[in-house]
Protein backbone atom coordinates (compact mmCIF):
# COMPACT_ATOMS: atom_id res chain seq x y z
CA MET A 1 -0.18 0.01 -0.10
CA ARG A 2 1.16 3.37 -0.60
CA ARG A 3 0.59 5.52 2.61
CA LEU A 4 1.64 8.55 3.43
CA THR A 5 0.10 9.42 6.63
CA PHE A 6 -1.24 12.27 8.25
CA ALA A 7 1.53 12.48 10.68
CA ASP A 8 3.31 12.56 7.82
CA LEU A 9 2.29 15.34 6.68
CA GLN A 10 2.28 17.36 9.46
CA ASP A 11 6.03 16.05 9.94
CA GLY A 12 6.88 17.90 5.97
CA ARG A 13 5.20 20.76 6.93
CA LEU A 14 7.30 21.47 9.99
CA ALA A 15 10.34 20.90 7.67
CA ARG A 16 11.09 23.83 5.48
CA GLY A 17 11.79 22.44 1.60
CA THR A 18 9.53 19.41 1.85
CA LEU A 19 6.00 19.79 0.72
CA ALA A 20 5.18 22.87 -2.16
CA LEU A 21 1.31 22.94 -3.70
CA LEU A 22 -0.23 22.78 -6.46
CA PHE A 23 -3.22 24.89 -6.37
CA ILE A 24 -5.60 23.45 -9.33
CA THR A 25 -8.72 25.20 -9.76
CA ASP A 26 -11.12 27.73 -8.11
CA ASN A 27 -13.96 25.71 -9.06
CA CYS A 28 -15.94 23.32 -6.76
CA PRO A 29 -19.27 21.59 -7.68
CA VAL A 30 -20.13 21.09 -3.84
CA GLY A 31 -20.68 24.54 -2.61
CA CYS A 32 -19.90 23.52 1.29
CA ALA A 33 -21.52 26.94 3.09
CA HIS A 34 -18.18 26.73 5.41
CA CYS A 35 -15.92 26.49 2.40
CA SER A 36 -12.86 28.68 3.21
CA VAL A 37 -11.79 29.67 -0.10
CA ASP A 38 -15.51 30.80 -0.91
CA SER A 39 -15.01 28.17 -4.25
CA ARG A 40 -17.95 27.46 -6.49
CA PRO A 41 -19.73 25.72 -9.56
CA ASP A 42 -19.17 28.96 -11.39
CA SER A 43 -16.17 29.90 -10.30
CA PRO A 44 -12.60 29.80 -12.70
CA ARG A 45 -11.08 27.10 -14.21
CA ILE A 46 -7.91 26.59 -15.60
CA ARG A 47 -8.24 28.21 -19.33
CA ASP A 48 -4.18 28.43 -20.42
CA PHE A 49 -2.90 24.86 -20.84
CA GLU A 50 0.24 25.75 -21.51
CA LEU A 51 0.89 27.91 -18.74
CA PHE A 52 -0.10 25.31 -16.40
CA GLU A 53 2.32 22.81 -18.46
CA GLU A 54 4.48 25.40 -17.84
CA ILE A 55 3.72 25.24 -13.50
CA VAL A 56 3.87 21.32 -13.81
CA ASP A 57 7.17 21.25 -15.21
CA GLY A 58 8.34 23.99 -12.72
CA LEU A 59 6.98 22.17 -9.84
CA CYS A 60 8.92 18.27 -11.56
CA ALA A 61 11.98 20.74 -11.56
CA LEU A 62 11.85 21.59 -7.42
CA PRO A 63 14.57 19.22 -6.28
CA ALA A 64 14.15 19.42 -2.40
CA ASP A 65 10.27 19.14 -2.36
CA ARG A 66 9.82 15.41 -2.01
CA ILE A 67 5.73 16.13 -1.39
CA ILE A 68 3.65 17.74 -4.01
CA GLY A 69 0.08 18.14 -2.84
CA ILE A 70 -3.23 19.19 -5.26
CA SER A 71 -6.03 20.94 -3.68
CA GLY A 72 -8.64 23.76 -5.14
CA GLY A 73 -11.19 23.96 -5.26
CA GLU A 74 -12.64 20.70 -6.33
CA PRO A 75 -9.11 18.74 -8.10
CA PHE A 76 -11.30 16.20 -9.39
CA VAL A 77 -13.67 18.83 -11.73
CA GLU A 78 -9.67 19.29 -13.29
CA ARG A 79 -10.11 15.78 -15.35
CA ARG A 80 -7.36 17.36 -18.08
CA GLY A 81 -5.50 19.13 -15.99
CA LEU A 82 -5.61 16.62 -13.00
CA SER A 83 -4.26 13.36 -15.06
CA LEU A 84 -1.17 15.72 -16.79
CA ALA A 85 -0.53 17.13 -13.49
CA THR A 86 0.12 13.89 -11.27
CA GLU A 87 1.57 11.77 -14.27
CA ARG A 88 4.26 14.49 -14.65
CA ILE A 89 4.95 14.51 -11.07
CA ALA A 90 4.73 10.87 -10.91
CA ALA A 91 7.29 10.41 -13.04
CA THR A 92 9.88 12.19 -11.07
CA GLY A 93 9.51 10.10 -7.84
CA LYS A 94 7.78 12.33 -5.61
CA GLN A 95 4.61 12.38 -3.68
CA MET A 96 1.83 13.21 -4.16
CA ILE A 97 -1.33 14.49 -1.65
CA ILE A 98 -4.92 15.16 -3.26
CA TYR A 99 -7.05 16.38 -1.49
CA THR A 100 -10.75 15.96 -2.42
CA SER A 101 -14.36 16.24 -1.45
CA GLY A 102 -15.51 12.86 -3.08
CA PHE A 103 -18.50 14.55 -4.99
CA TRP A 104 -17.21 11.89 -8.10
CA GLY A 105 -17.14 8.73 -5.99
CA PRO A 106 -19.59 6.80 -7.54
CA ASP A 107 -22.86 5.41 -5.90
CA ALA A 108 -21.89 2.68 -3.90
CA GLU A 109 -25.34 1.57 -3.54
CA ALA A 110 -25.94 1.32 -7.05
CA GLY A 111 -23.21 -0.31 -7.93
CA HIS A 112 -21.28 1.71 -9.95
CA GLY A 113 -17.43 1.97 -10.19
CA ALA A 114 -15.31 4.93 -10.13
CA PRO A 115 -14.52 6.19 -13.52
CA GLU A 116 -10.66 4.51 -15.27
CA TRP A 117 -9.11 7.87 -15.52
CA ALA A 118 -10.21 9.17 -11.56
CA ARG A 119 -7.96 5.24 -11.01
CA LYS A 120 -5.34 6.37 -12.67
CA VAL A 121 -4.72 9.68 -10.93
CA ILE A 122 -5.14 7.47 -7.39
CA ARG A 123 -2.81 5.41 -7.84
CA ARG A 124 -0.51 7.62 -8.70
CA ALA A 125 -0.48 9.56 -5.32
CA SER A 126 0.65 8.51 -1.71
CA ALA A 127 -2.48 9.60 -0.19
CA ILE A 128 -6.00 11.16 -0.64
CA PHE A 129 -7.49 13.18 1.99
CA LEU A 130 -11.37 13.28 1.93
CA SER A 131 -13.33 15.62 3.34
CA THR A 132 -16.52 15.13 5.34
CA ASP A 133 -18.45 16.56 8.14
CA ALA A 134 -21.98 17.99 8.34
CA TYR A 135 -21.68 20.54 5.82
CA HIS A 136 -20.15 18.26 3.31
CA GLU A 137 -23.31 15.94 3.47
CA ALA A 138 -25.64 18.27 2.60
CA SER A 139 -24.10 18.57 -0.90
CA VAL A 140 -22.14 15.07 -1.32
CA HIS A 141 -24.15 12.00 -0.18
CA GLU A 142 -22.71 9.65 2.03
CA ARG A 143 -23.13 7.15 -0.56
CA ARG A 144 -21.18 9.17 -2.67
CA PHE A 145 -18.77 9.44 -0.07
CA ALA A 146 -18.73 5.47 0.62
CA GLY A 147 -18.11 4.60 -3.27
CA ALA A 148 -15.01 7.68 -3.15
CA ALA A 149 -13.42 5.76 0.03
CA ARG A 150 -13.77 2.61 -1.52
CA ALA A 151 -12.01 3.36 -4.52
CA VAL A 152 -9.16 4.85 -2.88
CA ALA A 153 -8.88 1.82 -0.26
CA GLU A 154 -9.26 -0.57 -3.89
CA GLU A 155 -6.30 1.22 -5.05
CA GLN A 156 -4.07 0.50 -2.34
CA VAL A 157 -3.56 3.66 -1.31
CA TRP A 158 -3.88 5.72 2.07
CA LEU A 159 -7.01 7.17 3.00
CA VAL A 160 -6.88 10.37 5.45
CA VAL A 161 -10.85 11.63 6.26
CA GLN A 162 -10.70 15.02 7.04
CA VAL A 163 -13.17 16.37 9.08
CA MET A 164 -14.38 20.00 11.73
CA ASP A 165 -13.07 19.52 15.07
CA GLY A 166 -16.54 19.93 16.30
CA PRO A 167 -18.42 17.90 18.30
CA GLY A 168 -19.77 14.39 16.76
CA MET A 169 -17.27 14.89 13.80
CA VAL A 170 -15.03 12.12 14.32
CA GLU A 171 -17.90 9.61 15.30
CA ARG A 172 -20.00 10.31 12.25
CA ALA A 173 -16.86 9.58 10.50
CA GLU A 174 -15.99 6.75 11.70
CA GLU A 175 -19.97 5.62 11.28
CA LEU A 176 -19.26 6.60 7.68
CA LEU A 177 -16.32 4.28 7.01
CA ARG A 178 -17.29 1.23 9.24
CA GLY A 179 -19.93 1.32 6.37
CA ALA A 180 -18.06 2.00 3.74
CA LEU A 181 -14.72 -0.28 4.44
CA GLY A 182 -15.82 -2.88 7.07
CA VAL A 183 -14.53 -3.39 10.72
CA ASN A 184 -11.50 -3.04 9.72
CA TRP A 185 -11.56 0.32 7.99
CA SER A 186 -8.70 1.56 9.88
CA ASP A 187 -6.17 -0.78 7.56
CA HIS A 188 -6.50 1.53 4.76
CA ALA A 189 -8.01 4.54 7.12
CA GLU A 190 -7.40 7.33 9.49
CA ILE A 191 -9.10 10.21 10.79
CA ALA A 192 -7.69 13.92 11.30
CA THR A 193 -9.69 17.01 12.43
CA ALA A 194 -8.73 20.43 10.95
CA PRO A 195 -9.85 23.57 12.65
CA PRO A 196 -12.97 25.71 11.57
CA LEU A 197 -11.50 28.42 9.46
CA ASN A 198 -14.03 31.41 9.10
CA TYR A 199 -12.38 32.64 6.01
CA GLY A 200 -14.01 32.70 2.53
CA ARG A 201 -17.81 31.94 2.62
CA ALA A 202 -17.12 30.54 5.99
CA ARG A 203 -16.09 34.14 7.41
CA ASP A 204 -20.18 34.99 7.58
CA LEU A 205 -21.21 31.90 8.79
CA GLU A 206 -23.54 31.62 11.97
CA ASP A 207 -22.42 29.01 13.56
CA PRO A 208 -20.90 28.84 17.45
CA TRP A 209 -17.89 27.06 15.82
CA PHE A 210 -16.87 29.85 13.94
CA GLY A 211 -17.23 32.57 16.04
CA PRO A 212 -15.00 35.23 16.91
CA ARG A 213 -11.29 33.74 16.78
CA LYS A 214 -9.16 34.84 20.63
CA ARG A 215 -7.07 37.70 19.96
CA PHE A 216 -3.34 37.15 21.74
CA PRO A 217 -0.01 39.17 22.22
CA ALA A 218 2.42 39.11 19.18
CA GLU A 219 5.28 38.21 21.76
CA ALA A 220 3.34 34.97 22.03
CA PHE A 221 2.77 33.31 18.50
CA GLY A 222 5.27 30.37 17.72
CA THR A 223 6.21 28.46 14.55
CA CYS A 224 3.44 28.87 12.03
CA PRO A 225 3.84 25.24 9.14
CA THR A 226 1.61 26.97 6.39
CA ALA A 227 5.00 29.63 5.95
CA ASN A 228 6.46 26.33 5.19
CA VAL A 229 4.38 25.43 2.15
CA GLN A 230 5.17 27.41 -0.92
CA VAL A 231 1.96 27.76 -3.22
CA ILE A 232 1.90 27.88 -7.38
CA ARG A 233 -1.73 28.88 -8.64
CA TYR A 234 -3.33 27.52 -11.91
CA ASP A 235 -2.52 31.21 -13.05
CA GLY A 236 1.11 31.22 -12.49
CA THR A 237 0.81 32.82 -9.18
CA ALA A 238 3.21 31.91 -6.48
CA THR A 239 2.22 32.86 -2.92
CA ALA A 240 4.49 32.11 0.30
CA CYS A 241 2.32 30.14 1.96
CA CYS A 242 -0.82 28.00 1.74
CA ASN A 243 -2.80 30.41 3.71
CA GLU A 244 -6.32 30.26 1.51
CA THR A 245 -6.69 34.31 1.79
CA VAL A 246 -3.22 34.71 0.60
CA ILE A 247 -3.84 32.34 -2.81
CA MET A 248 -7.16 33.90 -3.34
CA GLY A 249 -5.26 37.23 -3.56
CA ALA A 250 -5.45 38.76 -0.54
CA GLY A 251 -2.30 39.90 1.73
CA PRO A 252 1.01 42.21 1.18
CA ARG A 253 2.46 41.95 -2.13
CA ARG A 254 5.91 40.35 -0.91
CA MET A 255 3.64 37.20 -0.41
CA ARG A 256 2.97 36.43 -4.16
CA ARG A 257 5.27 36.43 -7.37
CA ARG A 258 4.08 36.17 -10.63
CA THR A 259 5.51 33.48 -13.36
CA THR A 260 5.09 32.55 -16.99
CA THR A 261 7.74 29.74 -17.61
CA ALA A 262 8.64 26.67 -15.96
CA ASP A 263 12.15 27.83 -15.09
CA GLU A 264 10.11 31.43 -13.62
CA VAL A 265 7.62 29.00 -11.08
CA THR A 266 10.97 27.02 -9.64
CA ALA A 267 12.64 30.31 -9.60
CA ALA A 268 9.41 31.81 -7.48
CA ILE A 269 9.00 29.29 -5.23
CA ASP A 270 12.66 29.07 -4.19
CA GLY A 271 12.71 32.71 -3.57
CA LEU A 272 9.08 32.74 -1.41
CA ARG A 273 11.30 29.89 0.49
CA ASP A 274 14.34 31.50 1.09
CA ASP A 275 12.68 35.15 1.93
CA PRO A 276 13.86 36.18 5.64
CA LEU A 277 10.53 36.60 6.86
CA PHE A 278 8.85 33.89 5.92
CA ARG A 279 11.48 31.48 6.64
CA ALA A 280 11.80 32.93 9.82
CA VAL A 281 7.78 32.61 10.45
CA GLY A 282 8.05 28.99 9.29
CA THR A 283 10.86 28.11 11.72
CA VAL A 284 10.77 29.86 14.77
CA GLY A 285 7.20 32.53 14.79
CA PRO A 286 6.95 36.01 14.23
CA GLY A 287 6.92 36.23 18.45
CA MET A 288 10.40 35.85 18.20
CA LEU A 289 11.09 38.42 15.69
CA THR A 290 9.35 41.26 18.14
CA ALA A 291 12.93 41.77 19.69
CA HIS A 292 13.28 43.46 15.87
CA PRO A 293 13.64 46.95 16.07
CA ARG A 294 11.21 47.49 13.24
CA PHE A 295 8.77 45.63 14.91
CA GLN A 296 9.35 46.05 18.92
CA ASP A 297 6.15 48.18 18.97
CA LEU A 298 4.17 44.95 17.72
CA ALA A 299 5.13 42.81 20.88
CA GLY A 300 2.34 44.23 23.31
CA ARG A 301 -0.26 44.58 20.71
CA GLU A 302 -2.85 41.66 20.01
CA TYR A 303 -3.81 39.21 16.86
CA GLY A 304 -6.58 37.01 16.14
CA SER A 305 -4.28 35.05 14.25
CA ILE A 306 -0.64 34.50 13.36
CA CYS A 307 -1.73 35.55 9.68
CA GLU A 308 -3.10 39.12 10.77
CA LEU A 309 0.50 39.70 12.27
CA CYS A 310 2.81 37.85 9.48
CA TRP A 311 0.74 40.71 7.23
CA VAL A 312 1.78 43.55 9.51
CA MET A 313 5.55 42.66 9.14
CA ALA A 314 5.57 41.76 5.17
CA ARG A 315 4.08 45.23 5.07
CA ARG A 316 7.24 46.79 7.37
CA LEU A 317 9.69 45.62 5.28
CA PRO A 318 11.01 46.89 1.89
CA GLU A 319 9.20 45.60 -1.06
CA ASP A 320 12.27 46.20 -3.64
CA GLY A 321 13.71 43.16 -2.51
CA SER A 322 16.39 44.25 0.17
CA GLU A 323 17.31 42.09 2.76
CA ASP A 324 17.40 42.56 6.28
CA GLY A 325 20.32 40.85 8.21
CA LEU A 326 18.67 41.25 11.40
CA VAL A 327 15.56 39.13 10.84
CA ASP A 328 18.10 35.97 9.87
CA ALA A 329 20.45 36.86 12.48
CA ILE A 330 17.38 36.73 14.68
CA ARG A 331 15.97 33.46 13.34
CA VAL A 332 19.43 31.63 13.53
CA LEU A 333 19.72 33.04 17.01
CA ALA A 334 16.39 32.12 17.97
CA GLY A 335 16.84 28.28 15.94
CA HIS A 336 19.74 27.67 18.50
CA ARG A 337 18.32 28.40 21.48
CA LYS A 338 15.23 26.07 20.31
CA GLU A 339 17.61 23.50 19.52
CA GLN A 340 19.67 23.65 23.11
CA THR A 341 16.53 23.51 25.33
CA SER A 342 14.40 20.77 23.34
């Protein structure tokens, strides 16, 4: 069985240079009310396939990254793009994770099988992340979920069922997996929880799970694993992290770069990975950077998220690409301190 577990992914997010993400489409036919990227059935899809091939080739050329994630939107709406990307990435020997709602799953009770093109895509992956929760079930019937789960298990690929970290969500996922894969479902799958994110459509969702975020002083924020995953979008936009709002165009200009060729894709991802600020945020955390004279006044202020603080810091640094050596020096010293105390 090809097996890349949730724990493996978490370890990869902590190791800078291990992971990169292909954001393959904005489009999604499911329309969950809690969508953190506001993906819809009429959202944009791949139109320029010459550019898309350059993007994929740029990802394939990355020397360090051994795991490539593919997300959206819903990757399985992009049959041509997803087939091309997974075939080329697999040929490099890199591992792949594909995130999906499972809308493409065959009706388990009707006896239909998953389409062969989808099975080929699944076989190339090391893990499939399949989402389900109360919001997904409103659009993806449990029979579709069961069909998708069975298709992944039949292809001997590890299945990670991702649910919101809320009351009854894990128990419901276990029930669905028992129905789809039997009492020994844990031989094929695991369940992982994710916090609710009040971005996208979820920003206005009236649900206690998505209530106001707690605020913390700047110096309290630790490492941000999200800053260790650089992203290339299907339109050629590279971003410094995999925060959904950044991918969709929000945040400081320092966090994104425009690319049109494979070489530019590779250079952009490497450049964002080597950016002193984002390297520090991803390895020691922005709280440490409040010792910097540029950021000292932030120490006593409170922020609702690490992203909010990171954006403030990014806007204070020069946009002309000039480096601030003190940011790197603080990162190195803080990193040594962490190693000594661990």
